[in-house]
Amino acid sequence: MTLSGQKHICSAGETFDSIALAEYKDEKYACEILNANPSLCHIMVFTGGETLELPVVEMPEANDDADAENYMPASAPWKE
């Protein structure tokens, strides 16, 4: 994973999931943001002012829907 050089300044109440949804349009990319910011991985909810590095992620093309469905389960295992 290479870092994009893009940064995100957190607002109070944001989480890795909410940032992934806002920046990449999908919460499943929260893991990539966590991996790019190991010093902040202990934070569940940001207080505001924290700076995150946003990694470059490979996002599936629109015609790769079948591959994308195989990549992520329909629901989280703990919700079943």
Protein backbone atom coordinates (compact mmCIF):
# COMPACT_ATOMS: atom_id res chain seq x y z
CA MET A 1 0.00 0.00 0.00
CA THR A 2 1.38 3.39 -0.91
CA LEU A 3 0.23 6.56 0.73
CA SER A 4 -1.47 9.07 -1.50
CA GLY A 5 -0.17 12.09 0.30
CA GLN A 6 -3.77 13.04 0.97
CA LYS A 7 -4.55 13.92 4.54
CA HIS A 8 -7.82 14.04 6.43
CA ILE A 9 -8.29 16.31 9.44
CA CYS A 10 -10.75 14.56 11.75
CA SER A 11 -13.79 16.23 13.21
CA ALA A 12 -15.15 15.35 16.64
CA GLY A 13 -17.25 12.20 16.51
CA GLU A 14 -15.73 10.74 13.35
CA THR A 15 -14.60 7.10 13.25
CA PHE A 16 -12.43 5.15 10.84
CA ASP A 17 -15.63 3.69 9.37
CA SER A 18 -17.27 7.07 8.82
CA ILE A 19 -14.10 8.47 7.23
CA ALA A 20 -13.86 5.47 4.88
CA LEU A 21 -17.48 5.99 3.89
CA ALA A 22 -16.94 9.71 3.26
CA GLU A 23 -13.63 9.38 1.39
CA TYR A 24 -14.01 6.05 -0.44
CA LYS A 25 -17.81 5.67 -0.49
CA ASP A 26 -17.55 2.34 1.39
CA GLU A 27 -16.90 1.50 5.04
CA LYS A 28 -14.92 -1.63 4.12
CA TYR A 29 -11.88 0.58 3.45
CA ALA A 30 -11.57 1.49 7.15
CA CYS A 31 -8.98 -1.28 7.51
CA GLU A 32 -6.72 0.38 4.93
CA ILE A 33 -6.96 3.70 6.78
CA LEU A 34 -6.14 1.93 10.05
CA ASN A 35 -3.10 0.25 8.47
CA ALA A 36 -1.86 3.60 7.16
CA ASN A 37 -2.18 5.18 10.62
CA PRO A 38 -0.97 2.63 13.19
CA SER A 39 -0.25 5.25 15.84
CA LEU A 40 -3.96 6.18 15.91
CA CYS A 41 -5.47 2.67 15.71
CA HIS A 42 -6.37 2.71 19.43
CA ILE A 43 -8.85 5.57 18.93
CA MET A 44 -12.48 4.49 18.56
CA VAL A 45 -14.02 7.98 18.13
CA PHE A 46 -11.91 10.98 17.22
CA THR A 47 -12.04 14.09 19.41
CA GLY A 48 -11.18 16.35 16.48
CA GLY A 49 -7.96 17.71 15.04
CA GLU A 50 -6.23 14.37 14.43
CA THR A 51 -4.55 14.10 11.03
CA LEU A 52 -4.90 10.85 9.08
CA GLU A 53 -2.93 9.72 6.03
CA LEU A 54 -5.33 8.43 3.39
CA PRO A 55 -3.88 5.49 1.44
CA VAL A 56 -4.37 4.74 -2.21
CA VAL A 57 -6.75 1.80 -2.44
CA GLU A 58 -7.66 -0.35 -5.40
CA MET A 59 -11.38 0.01 -5.91
CA PRO A 60 -13.28 -2.44 -8.13
CA GLU A 61 -14.54 -1.20 -11.48
CA ALA A 62 -18.28 -1.05 -12.10
CA ASN A 63 -18.02 -4.13 -14.33
CA ASP A 64 -16.23 -6.08 -11.57
CA ASP A 65 -19.40 -6.40 -9.46
CA ALA A 66 -19.11 -10.20 -9.34
CA ASP A 67 -15.56 -9.95 -7.96
CA ALA A 68 -16.60 -7.31 -5.44
CA GLU A 69 -19.40 -9.53 -4.15
CA ASN A 70 -16.91 -12.35 -3.59
CA TYR A 71 -14.54 -10.00 -1.78
CA MET A 72 -16.89 -8.97 1.05
CA PRO A 73 -19.66 -10.97 2.72
CA ALA A 74 -23.21 -9.63 2.51
CA SER A 75 -23.21 -8.97 6.24
CA ALA A 76 -20.66 -9.04 9.03
CA PRO A 77 -20.26 -12.52 10.55
CA TRP A 78 -21.08 -11.28 14.05
CA LYS A 79 -24.43 -9.93 12.82
CA GLU A 80 -25.64 -13.34 11.59
